Amino acid sequence: MKELSLMVKKKRGDLGLRAAADQIGITHTTLSRVESGKLPDLNTFTKICNWLGVQPNEILGFSSSRTSKAVAALPVAHYRAKKTMGPETAQHLAELIIKVHEAVGNRSL
């Protein structure tokens, strides 16, 4: 999520925190937390990705060949400011969830 923070800061540039948050559709306090490296919830993550014009898989480090409906709604981004697991564990969990979604989509479960 460090990459997300850097991307948000770069796009925001000289734009005020409140103005950027209004454009995204989130509160300025939430945007401030994201810029400081905190993990956003899924809804906020989706709004920020839309504002940045990027796919969630780009931020989470998945290759474009793995893009699917499951990747577009990655639940890994739902861990709020209270970190209950490390980034590596969250990454592995996201990959597991994507595999399950793909298996369900292919009816191989």
Protein backbone atom coordinates (compact mmCIF):
# COMPACT_ATOMS: atom_id res chain seq x y z
CA MET A 1 0.00 0.00 0.00
CA LYS A 2 3.06 2.21 0.11
CA GLU A 3 2.75 2.52 -3.67
CA LEU A 4 -0.86 3.69 -3.27
CA SER A 5 0.25 6.39 -0.86
CA LEU A 6 2.92 7.62 -3.29
CA MET A 7 0.54 7.59 -6.24
CA VAL A 8 -2.08 9.60 -4.32
CA LYS A 9 0.49 12.16 -3.15
CA LYS A 10 1.84 12.54 -6.68
CA LYS A 11 -1.58 13.00 -8.29
CA ARG A 12 -2.77 15.36 -5.56
CA GLY A 13 0.29 17.56 -6.01
CA ASP A 14 -0.54 21.09 -4.88
CA LEU A 15 -4.26 20.36 -4.66
CA GLY A 16 -5.51 20.71 -1.10
CA LEU A 17 -6.33 17.62 0.91
CA ARG A 18 -10.02 18.53 1.21
CA ALA A 19 -10.37 19.33 -2.51
CA ALA A 20 -8.75 16.05 -3.52
CA ALA A 21 -10.88 14.11 -1.03
CA ASP A 22 -14.01 15.76 -2.47
CA GLN A 23 -12.98 14.70 -5.98
CA ILE A 24 -12.47 11.12 -4.81
CA GLY A 25 -15.64 11.03 -2.73
CA ILE A 26 -14.02 10.35 0.64
CA THR A 27 -13.28 12.42 3.73
CA HIS A 28 -10.10 14.44 4.04
CA THR A 29 -9.16 12.49 7.18
CA THR A 30 -9.41 9.21 5.26
CA LEU A 31 -7.26 10.63 2.46
CA SER A 32 -4.71 11.78 5.01
CA ARG A 33 -4.55 8.28 6.50
CA VAL A 34 -4.07 6.73 3.05
CA GLU A 35 -1.30 9.21 2.26
CA SER A 36 0.42 8.26 5.51
CA GLY A 37 0.43 4.62 4.41
CA LYS A 38 -2.63 3.21 6.18
CA LEU A 39 -4.68 0.55 4.44
CA PRO A 40 -8.06 1.78 3.18
CA ASP A 41 -11.27 -0.20 3.27
CA LEU A 42 -12.45 -1.79 0.03
CA ASN A 43 -14.89 0.99 -0.90
CA THR A 44 -12.26 3.69 -0.37
CA PHE A 45 -9.64 1.65 -2.24
CA THR A 46 -11.98 1.36 -5.22
CA LYS A 47 -12.73 5.10 -5.23
CA ILE A 48 -9.04 5.96 -5.04
CA CYS A 49 -8.17 3.55 -7.87
CA ASN A 50 -10.89 5.14 -10.01
CA TRP A 51 -9.57 8.63 -9.21
CA LEU A 52 -6.03 7.53 -10.05
CA GLY A 53 -7.21 5.83 -13.23
CA VAL A 54 -5.54 2.52 -12.36
CA GLN A 55 -6.71 -1.04 -11.87
CA PRO A 56 -6.44 -2.41 -8.31
CA ASN A 57 -4.17 -5.22 -9.56
CA GLU A 58 -1.59 -2.62 -10.64
CA ILE A 59 -1.33 -1.30 -7.09
CA LEU A 60 -1.38 -4.74 -5.50
CA GLY A 61 1.33 -6.06 -7.81
CA PHE A 62 -0.63 -8.62 -9.80
CA SER A 63 0.26 -9.11 -13.44
CA SER A 64 -2.29 -8.00 -16.01
CA SER A 65 -2.61 -11.60 -17.22
CA ARG A 66 -4.33 -12.43 -13.93
CA THR A 67 -6.91 -9.70 -14.26
CA SER A 68 -10.39 -11.00 -13.57
CA LYS A 69 -13.62 -9.94 -11.95
CA ALA A 70 -12.17 -11.14 -8.67
CA VAL A 71 -9.13 -8.85 -8.99
CA ALA A 72 -11.35 -5.84 -9.60
CA ALA A 73 -12.86 -6.27 -6.13
CA LEU A 74 -9.91 -7.41 -4.07
CA PRO A 75 -10.87 -7.81 -0.43
CA VAL A 76 -7.26 -7.39 0.70
CA ALA A 77 -7.83 -3.65 0.73
CA HIS A 78 -10.44 -3.94 3.46
CA TYR A 79 -7.97 -3.85 6.34
CA ARG A 80 -8.48 -0.48 7.98
CA ALA A 81 -5.97 1.52 9.99
CA LYS A 82 -5.68 -1.23 12.61
CA LYS A 83 -3.30 -3.65 10.97
CA THR A 84 -4.14 -7.19 11.96
CA MET A 85 -1.63 -8.81 9.63
CA GLY A 86 1.52 -7.94 7.75
CA PRO A 87 1.58 -6.93 4.08
CA GLU A 88 3.05 -10.28 3.01
CA THR A 89 0.25 -12.17 4.73
CA ALA A 90 -2.35 -9.84 3.19
CA GLN A 91 -0.80 -10.42 -0.24
CA HIS A 92 -0.99 -14.20 0.18
CA LEU A 93 -4.57 -13.95 1.40
CA ALA A 94 -5.49 -11.87 -1.66
CA GLU A 95 -3.93 -14.43 -3.97
CA LEU A 96 -5.85 -17.21 -2.23
CA ILE A 97 -9.14 -15.34 -2.58
CA ILE A 98 -8.48 -14.69 -6.26
CA LYS A 99 -7.77 -18.38 -6.86
CA VAL A 100 -11.04 -19.32 -5.15
CA HIS A 101 -12.99 -16.78 -7.26
CA GLU A 102 -11.33 -18.10 -10.42
CA ALA A 103 -12.12 -21.68 -9.44
CA VAL A 104 -15.75 -20.81 -8.77
CA GLY A 105 -15.91 -18.98 -12.09
CA ASN A 106 -14.50 -22.03 -13.85
CA ARG A 107 -16.75 -24.29 -11.78
CA SER A 108 -13.76 -26.35 -10.73
CA LEU A 109 -14.70 -26.39 -7.06
